[in-house]
Amino acid sequence: MKKLSALFLISFIFSCAEKEGSESSKSENILNNLTFTVDTVVVDPGEEIIDLSNHLRLADISEDRKKLYLFTESDNQLSVINLDQLTLQQKIPYEKEGPNGVGGFLWNLDLISDEKFYLMSFNTSAIFDFKGIKLETINLEEEDILGIKDKTLQNNRLKVTKDLSWYYTVPGSDFDQKDQPVELAVINRENKEGRLFPLPALDKTQAYKVILSDGPMMQVYAENFFLAEYFEKFYLTSSVTSDIYQIDPKNDSLVLHSYELKQTPKEKTDPPSRNEFSDQEVWRDEITKIHSQITFGELLWDEQRGYFFRFGGVLIPSGVEDVPSNTKVYLMAFDKDLHLLGETELEDLDELPEFPFFKDGQLWSYVNVEDELGFSVITFDF
């Protein structure tokens, strides 16, 4: 999910004090006696076809959780899906090339409002309306950002705040040969002034990047950074660790939330002994080893309960050809201030939810139901 803006008065002359929020242990684990039920729902596309070949890679959910927007590169159309009625509401065509073209190598889609969305690619990114019109083209690699020098501001990592006032991103590229310290860059869209916030607790993410080199060709596996905006604050997480950064630009504060977990592994602890490979099979084995350690997802906000949730998973390889592997799944719950309220292993789940989001107090996640768009709807009781 996106998926993860903020208010930020920028003179960029102030200092940012980092505070570490070590989690106070609470005696009660609210997830101790958690039970859940799972239902499956399927979207009726009418006479249309919804292309699921890329799953929901280019999709986002409206803030009220009533609509899903899915862009499909096969036909350059944006499908608008009504999640209350479980119907395909409309398909909006877009041009691939030209002044309103979406381009190629699309990476991500972020919904900005009920009128605009942000489509990211490796080369450039752009803001579109829902009539097929490109409103703005963005390429920070070509911009001179005051306060941010000698940093790769790759467009496919870029986020735009909902009020269109700020960009925020983790500088760097997965194709960088040398690891760089992890930082958050926040940029004023109007005057192109920027500020860097060091995030040292996430530096370990870089150690799990493995590169397959085959002559001029290169394939890279890298762990994920997740950027999100809630309550006029930025939330920065990584798939490698349970640590969470919370940046409140309004009050000039950066807080690291670190947790003493009892059931869930806290982080990956066994990085690859080397990061470059020439043998594809060895490279894939190394990725399996990485997945066999805890992998965390992004923060999910449940509006009905007023809790954050976060999943983690550990791959359990089957070791037998043509026999699927399983995943040990963990769930953590936090209050609005990111105090840990509980954690548990979900023994009846054998894979992490895909494209998860909360709607009306239930967790929805993408499933393919005989090539139709479907969702598992999980009701948690605790």
Protein backbone atom coordinates (compact mmCIF):
# COMPACT_ATOMS: atom_id res chain seq x y z
CA MET A 1 0.00 0.00 0.00
CA LYS A 2 0.98 3.51 -0.46
CA LYS A 3 1.52 3.84 0.16
CA LEU A 4 3.05 6.42 1.69
CA SER A 5 2.76 14.90 3.24
CA ALA A 6 3.17 17.48 5.60
CA LEU A 7 3.32 21.06 6.59
CA PHE A 8 6.86 22.34 6.50
CA LEU A 9 7.85 25.97 6.99
CA ILE A 10 11.20 25.95 5.37
CA SER A 11 13.93 28.39 5.93
CA PHE A 12 16.17 25.33 6.24
CA ILE A 13 18.30 27.18 8.74
CA PHE A 14 16.86 25.51 11.80
CA SER A 15 18.31 22.41 13.40
CA CYS A 16 16.52 19.13 13.80
CA ALA A 17 17.01 17.32 17.09
CA GLU A 18 16.66 13.56 16.91
CA LYS A 19 14.94 11.94 19.82
CA GLU A 20 14.87 8.23 20.35
CA GLY A 21 11.56 6.88 21.48
CA SER A 22 12.43 3.62 23.16
CA GLU A 23 9.22 1.72 23.56
CA SER A 24 7.89 1.45 27.08
CA SER A 25 6.88 -2.13 27.71
CA LYS A 26 3.23 -2.57 28.49
CA SER A 27 2.04 -5.56 30.43
CA GLU A 28 -0.94 -6.19 28.21
CA ASN A 29 -0.59 -7.55 24.69
CA ILE A 30 -3.87 -6.64 23.01
CA LEU A 31 -3.26 -9.25 20.30
CA ASN A 32 -2.75 -12.14 22.76
CA ASN A 33 -6.14 -13.69 22.10
CA LEU A 34 -6.63 -12.49 18.54
CA THR A 35 -8.88 -14.52 16.28
CA PHE A 36 -9.89 -13.76 12.73
CA THR A 37 -12.17 -14.85 9.91
CA VAL A 38 -11.52 -14.55 6.18
CA ASP A 39 -14.01 -13.91 3.40
CA THR A 40 -13.32 -13.44 -0.32
CA VAL A 41 -15.05 -10.87 -2.50
CA VAL A 42 -14.73 -10.44 -6.28
CA VAL A 43 -15.12 -7.30 -8.40
CA ASP A 44 -17.66 -7.46 -11.24
CA PRO A 45 -15.96 -5.92 -14.31
CA GLY A 46 -19.12 -6.05 -16.45
CA GLU A 47 -18.19 -6.44 -20.11
CA GLU A 48 -14.64 -5.19 -19.49
CA ILE A 49 -11.45 -7.03 -18.56
CA ILE A 50 -9.17 -5.89 -15.72
CA ASP A 51 -5.58 -6.79 -16.56
CA LEU A 52 -3.97 -8.34 -13.46
CA SER A 53 -0.68 -9.35 -15.07
CA ASN A 54 1.16 -6.88 -12.82
CA HIS A 55 -1.13 -7.48 -9.85
CA LEU A 56 -1.82 -4.08 -8.18
CA ARG A 57 1.66 -2.62 -8.66
CA LEU A 58 0.24 0.59 -10.17
CA ALA A 59 -2.72 1.09 -7.85
CA ASP A 60 -3.83 3.20 -4.91
CA ILE A 61 -6.85 3.57 -2.64
CA SER A 62 -8.91 6.72 -2.09
CA GLU A 63 -8.66 8.26 1.33
CA ASP A 64 -12.24 7.29 2.18
CA ARG A 65 -11.49 3.70 1.09
CA LYS A 66 -14.41 3.68 -1.34
CA LYS A 67 -12.45 3.47 -4.60
CA LEU A 68 -9.41 1.71 -5.99
CA TYR A 69 -7.53 3.23 -8.94
CA LEU A 70 -5.52 0.79 -11.07
CA PHE A 71 -3.41 1.82 -14.05
CA THR A 72 -2.64 -0.92 -16.58
CA GLU A 73 0.26 -0.45 -18.99
CA SER A 74 -1.09 -3.02 -21.45
CA ASP A 75 -3.86 -0.65 -22.54
CA ASN A 76 -2.78 2.65 -20.88
CA GLN A 77 -6.05 2.92 -19.00
CA LEU A 78 -6.96 3.83 -15.45
CA SER A 79 -9.60 1.54 -13.98
CA VAL A 80 -11.80 3.08 -11.28
CA ILE A 81 -13.22 0.36 -9.02
CA ASN A 82 -16.05 0.99 -6.56
CA LEU A 83 -15.11 -1.00 -3.44
CA ASP A 84 -18.52 -0.57 -1.80
CA GLN A 85 -20.40 -2.00 -4.78
CA LEU A 86 -17.49 -4.21 -6.00
CA THR A 87 -17.92 -3.03 -9.58
CA LEU A 88 -15.72 -1.53 -12.26
CA GLN A 89 -17.03 2.02 -12.41
CA GLN A 90 -15.13 3.24 -15.48
CA LYS A 91 -11.96 3.03 -17.53
CA ILE A 92 -10.16 6.27 -18.40
CA PRO A 93 -7.81 6.17 -21.43
CA TYR A 94 -4.37 7.82 -21.38
CA GLU A 95 -1.80 8.44 -24.10
CA LYS A 96 1.54 6.67 -23.97
CA GLU A 97 3.45 9.33 -25.91
CA GLY A 98 2.96 12.99 -26.67
CA PRO A 99 2.30 16.01 -24.43
CA ASN A 100 -0.07 14.02 -22.22
CA GLY A 101 1.87 10.76 -22.45
CA VAL A 102 2.45 8.56 -19.41
CA GLY A 103 5.70 7.19 -20.87
CA GLY A 104 7.17 3.80 -20.09
CA PHE A 105 8.88 1.89 -17.27
CA LEU A 106 6.17 2.94 -14.82
CA TRP A 107 7.03 2.27 -11.21
CA ASN A 108 4.30 3.49 -8.89
CA LEU A 109 0.99 5.34 -8.65
CA ASP A 110 0.00 7.62 -5.78
CA LEU A 111 -3.43 9.15 -5.46
CA ILE A 112 -3.16 12.83 -4.51
CA SER A 113 -6.86 13.74 -4.32
CA ASP A 114 -10.20 12.97 -5.93
CA GLU A 115 -8.98 15.03 -8.90
CA LYS A 116 -5.30 14.12 -9.37
CA PHE A 117 -2.83 11.26 -9.17
CA TYR A 118 0.93 10.99 -9.40
CA LEU A 119 2.51 8.46 -11.77
CA MET A 120 6.19 7.63 -11.31
CA SER A 121 8.70 6.22 -13.78
CA PHE A 122 12.47 5.83 -13.77
CA ASN A 123 12.96 8.72 -16.17
CA THR A 124 10.35 11.30 -15.21
CA SER A 125 7.22 11.47 -13.14
CA ALA A 126 4.04 13.46 -13.64
CA ILE A 127 0.75 14.56 -12.13
CA PHE A 128 -2.37 13.68 -14.12
CA ASP A 129 -6.06 14.45 -13.80
CA PHE A 130 -8.84 11.94 -14.39
CA LYS A 131 -9.52 13.17 -17.91
CA GLY A 132 -6.26 11.98 -19.45
CA ILE A 133 -4.46 15.32 -19.10
CA LYS A 134 -0.91 15.70 -17.79
CA LEU A 135 -0.88 18.64 -15.39
CA GLU A 136 2.81 18.72 -14.51
CA THR A 137 6.02 16.89 -15.36
CA ILE A 138 8.55 16.34 -12.58
CA ASN A 139 12.22 15.42 -12.91
CA LEU A 140 14.21 16.28 -9.80
CA GLU A 141 17.42 14.98 -11.35
CA GLU A 142 17.33 18.03 -13.59
CA GLU A 143 16.50 20.49 -10.82
CA ASP A 144 18.97 22.56 -8.81
CA ILE A 145 17.74 21.93 -5.26
CA LEU A 146 19.09 24.48 -2.79
CA GLY A 147 20.44 22.67 0.28
CA ILE A 148 20.73 19.25 -1.38
CA LYS A 149 23.88 18.76 -3.41
CA ASP A 150 25.48 15.68 -4.96
CA LYS A 151 22.49 13.44 -4.20
CA THR A 152 20.61 11.19 -6.60
CA LEU A 153 16.95 12.17 -6.39
CA GLN A 154 15.55 9.27 -8.36
CA ASN A 155 12.05 9.94 -9.63
CA ASN A 156 10.64 6.48 -8.91
CA ARG A 157 11.20 7.00 -5.15
CA LEU A 158 9.56 10.40 -5.06
CA LYS A 159 6.46 11.21 -3.01
CA VAL A 160 4.27 14.30 -3.28
CA THR A 161 2.26 15.59 -0.34
CA LYS A 162 -1.50 15.73 -0.63
CA ASP A 163 -1.51 19.53 -0.59
CA LEU A 164 1.12 19.54 -3.38
CA SER A 165 3.44 21.69 -1.24
CA TRP A 166 6.31 19.27 -0.75
CA TYR A 167 8.28 16.45 -2.28
CA TYR A 168 9.89 13.87 -0.03
CA THR A 169 12.14 10.98 -0.91
CA VAL A 170 15.03 8.76 0.16
CA PRO A 171 17.97 9.88 -2.01
CA GLY A 172 20.07 7.34 -3.84
CA SER A 173 19.56 4.59 -6.35
CA ASP A 174 19.39 0.82 -6.05
CA PHE A 175 22.01 0.75 -8.79
CA ASP A 176 24.58 2.65 -6.71
CA GLN A 177 27.65 0.47 -6.26
CA LYS A 178 28.55 2.01 -2.90
CA ASP A 179 26.17 2.21 0.03
CA GLN A 180 25.17 5.69 1.10
CA PRO A 181 23.85 6.80 4.51
CA VAL A 182 20.06 6.73 4.51
CA GLU A 183 18.42 10.16 4.64
CA LEU A 184 15.06 11.75 4.03
CA ALA A 185 15.05 14.66 1.61
CA VAL A 186 12.18 17.14 1.96
CA ILE A 187 11.83 19.73 -0.82
CA ASN A 188 9.65 22.81 -1.11
CA ARG A 189 7.90 22.50 -4.49
CA GLU A 190 7.59 26.25 -4.96
CA ASN A 191 11.11 27.51 -4.26
CA LYS A 192 13.01 24.21 -4.68
CA GLU A 193 14.70 24.48 -1.29
CA GLY A 194 15.52 21.20 0.44
CA ARG A 195 16.61 19.67 3.69
CA LEU A 196 18.18 16.30 4.55
CA PHE A 197 17.27 14.33 7.68
CA PRO A 198 19.75 11.52 8.56
CA LEU A 199 18.07 8.16 9.33
CA PRO A 200 20.97 6.03 10.68
CA ALA A 201 18.73 3.25 12.07
CA LEU A 202 17.78 2.42 8.47
CA ASP A 203 21.36 2.29 7.16
CA LYS A 204 21.39 -1.49 7.60
CA THR A 205 18.88 -1.73 4.74
CA GLN A 206 21.71 -1.15 2.25
CA ALA A 207 23.58 -4.27 3.40
CA TYR A 208 20.93 -6.55 1.87
CA LYS A 209 21.31 -5.37 -1.71
CA VAL A 210 22.62 -8.09 -4.06
CA ILE A 211 23.65 -7.46 -7.66
CA LEU A 212 23.77 -9.91 -10.55
CA SER A 213 26.29 -8.76 -13.16
CA ASP A 214 26.34 -10.41 -16.56
CA GLY A 215 28.53 -8.36 -18.88
CA PRO A 216 26.79 -5.04 -19.53
CA MET A 217 23.55 -6.31 -17.96
CA MET A 218 22.79 -5.82 -14.28
CA GLN A 219 19.94 -7.03 -12.06
CA VAL A 220 19.54 -5.70 -8.56
CA TYR A 221 17.59 -7.04 -5.60
CA ALA A 222 17.19 -4.46 -2.84
CA GLU A 223 15.10 -4.21 0.29
CA ASN A 224 12.32 -1.62 0.44
CA PHE A 225 11.92 1.77 2.03
CA PHE A 226 8.36 2.82 2.84
CA LEU A 227 7.39 6.49 2.97
CA ALA A 228 3.99 7.59 4.20
CA GLU A 229 2.13 10.64 5.46
CA TYR A 230 -0.36 10.59 8.31
CA PHE A 231 -1.58 13.45 10.50
CA GLU A 232 0.81 15.98 8.87
CA LYS A 233 3.82 13.83 9.76
CA PHE A 234 6.19 11.67 7.71
CA TYR A 235 6.69 7.99 8.60
CA LEU A 236 9.80 6.21 7.33
CA THR A 237 10.25 2.45 7.60
CA SER A 238 12.31 -0.29 5.98
CA SER A 239 11.59 -3.93 5.20
CA VAL A 240 14.77 -4.85 7.12
CA THR A 241 13.90 -3.54 10.59
CA SER A 242 11.00 -2.93 12.96
CA ASP A 243 12.34 0.57 13.75
CA ILE A 244 10.12 3.48 12.70
CA TYR A 245 11.08 7.09 12.11
CA GLN A 246 8.50 9.79 12.66
CA ILE A 247 9.25 13.30 11.42
CA ASP A 248 7.13 16.22 12.53
CA PRO A 249 8.32 19.14 10.40
CA LYS A 250 5.82 21.50 12.02
CA ASN A 251 7.61 21.13 15.37
CA ASP A 252 11.07 20.43 13.92
CA SER A 253 11.36 16.99 15.51
CA LEU A 254 12.57 13.58 14.42
CA VAL A 255 11.80 10.60 16.63
CA LEU A 256 13.13 7.06 16.27
CA HIS A 257 10.75 4.43 17.65
CA SER A 258 12.61 1.23 18.49
CA TYR A 259 10.89 -1.80 19.97
CA GLU A 260 11.77 -4.69 22.24
CA LEU A 261 9.77 -7.39 20.50
CA LYS A 262 9.01 -10.67 22.26
CA GLN A 263 7.41 -12.76 19.52
CA THR A 264 8.49 -11.05 16.30
CA PRO A 265 12.14 -10.91 15.20
CA LYS A 266 13.31 -7.30 15.56
CA GLU A 267 15.28 -7.11 12.30
CA LYS A 268 17.36 -8.98 9.77
CA THR A 269 20.72 -9.90 11.31
CA ASP A 270 22.60 -11.92 8.67
CA PRO A 271 23.55 -9.82 5.63
CA PRO A 272 25.14 -11.43 2.56
CA SER A 273 28.89 -11.99 2.80
CA ARG A 274 29.21 -10.26 -0.58
CA ASN A 275 26.93 -8.17 -2.72
CA GLU A 276 27.93 -8.94 -6.31
CA PHE A 277 27.36 -12.21 -8.16
CA SER A 278 27.86 -13.48 -11.69
CA ASP A 279 25.97 -16.79 -11.32
CA GLN A 280 22.19 -16.35 -11.46
CA GLU A 281 21.40 -19.46 -9.41
CA VAL A 282 23.75 -18.39 -6.62
CA TRP A 283 22.25 -14.90 -6.73
CA ARG A 284 18.72 -16.31 -6.40
CA ASP A 285 19.82 -18.53 -3.50
CA GLU A 286 21.16 -15.43 -1.76
CA ILE A 287 17.80 -13.69 -2.18
CA THR A 288 16.06 -16.73 -0.67
CA LYS A 289 18.40 -16.49 2.33
CA ILE A 290 17.48 -12.83 2.73
CA HIS A 291 13.75 -13.67 2.61
CA SER A 292 14.34 -16.40 5.20
CA GLN A 293 14.88 -13.60 7.68
CA ILE A 294 12.15 -11.26 8.87
CA THR A 295 10.76 -8.92 6.21
CA PHE A 296 8.53 -6.07 7.36
CA GLY A 297 5.77 -4.31 5.46
CA GLU A 298 4.65 -0.70 5.58
CA LEU A 299 2.55 0.92 8.30
CA LEU A 300 -1.20 0.46 7.85
CA TRP A 301 -3.70 2.81 9.50
CA ASP A 302 -7.04 1.48 10.73
CA GLU A 303 -9.28 4.53 10.96
CA GLN A 304 -12.04 2.67 12.78
CA ARG A 305 -9.89 1.41 15.65
CA GLY A 306 -7.42 4.28 15.63
CA TYR A 307 -4.46 1.89 15.47
CA PHE A 308 -1.47 1.40 13.23
CA PHE A 309 -0.72 -2.19 12.17
CA ARG A 310 2.36 -3.69 10.57
CA PHE A 311 2.99 -7.15 9.15
CA GLY A 312 6.22 -9.10 9.12
CA GLY A 313 7.04 -12.38 7.44
CA VAL A 314 9.74 -15.05 7.44
CA LEU A 315 10.00 -17.32 4.39
CA ILE A 316 10.08 -21.05 5.16
CA PRO A 317 11.49 -22.65 1.97
CA SER A 318 9.96 -26.00 1.11
CA GLY A 319 13.27 -27.40 -0.12
CA VAL A 320 11.33 -29.53 -2.61
CA GLU A 321 10.98 -28.66 -6.27
CA ASP A 322 7.42 -27.71 -7.34
CA VAL A 323 6.31 -27.56 -3.70
CA PRO A 324 5.44 -23.98 -2.67
CA SER A 325 7.18 -22.38 0.26
CA ASN A 326 5.28 -20.97 3.22
CA THR A 327 5.70 -17.79 5.21
CA LYS A 328 5.51 -17.37 8.96
CA VAL A 329 3.39 -14.23 9.41
CA TYR A 330 3.54 -11.77 12.32
CA LEU A 331 1.27 -8.83 13.15
CA MET A 332 2.06 -5.83 15.36
CA ALA A 333 -0.32 -3.14 16.61
CA PHE A 334 0.53 0.43 17.67
CA ASP A 335 -1.46 3.38 18.94
CA LYS A 336 -1.51 6.71 17.10
CA ASP A 337 1.71 7.75 18.88
CA LEU A 338 3.45 4.51 17.81
CA HIS A 339 3.50 2.91 21.23
CA LEU A 340 3.56 -0.86 20.74
CA LEU A 341 0.25 -2.34 21.93
CA GLY A 342 0.70 -5.96 20.93
CA GLU A 343 2.23 -8.53 18.62
CA THR A 344 1.36 -12.06 17.58
CA GLU A 345 2.11 -14.77 15.08
CA LEU A 346 -0.81 -15.45 12.75
CA GLU A 347 -0.44 -19.22 12.59
CA ASP A 348 -3.40 -19.70 10.23
CA LEU A 349 -1.88 -17.48 7.53
CA ASP A 350 0.87 -18.90 5.33
CA GLU A 351 1.67 -15.81 3.25
CA LEU A 352 1.84 -12.07 3.75
CA PRO A 353 -1.21 -10.09 2.59
CA GLU A 354 -0.62 -8.48 -0.81
CA PHE A 355 -1.55 -4.81 -1.25
CA PRO A 356 -3.15 -4.66 2.22
CA PHE A 357 -5.33 -1.79 3.45
CA PHE A 358 -7.97 -1.28 6.11
CA LYS A 359 -11.55 -0.51 5.11
CA ASP A 360 -14.41 -0.22 7.63
CA GLY A 361 -12.28 -1.90 10.29
CA GLN A 362 -11.44 -4.94 8.16
CA LEU A 363 -8.19 -5.78 6.42
CA TRP A 364 -8.47 -6.12 2.65
CA SER A 365 -5.74 -7.68 0.53
CA TYR A 366 -5.49 -8.49 -3.16
CA VAL A 367 -6.18 -11.98 -4.49
CA ASN A 368 -6.55 -13.27 -8.03
CA VAL A 369 -9.76 -15.28 -8.30
CA GLU A 370 -9.62 -17.16 -11.62
CA ASP A 371 -8.13 -14.06 -13.31
CA GLU A 372 -10.72 -11.76 -11.75
CA LEU A 373 -9.87 -8.99 -9.28
CA GLY A 374 -10.66 -10.19 -5.79
CA PHE A 375 -9.88 -9.36 -2.18
CA SER A 376 -9.49 -11.36 0.97
CA VAL A 377 -11.39 -9.54 3.69
CA ILE A 378 -10.07 -10.36 7.17
CA THR A 379 -12.03 -9.51 10.30
CA PHE A 380 -9.83 -9.34 13.41
CA ASP A 381 -11.35 -9.89 16.84
CA PHE A 382 -9.31 -9.00 19.90
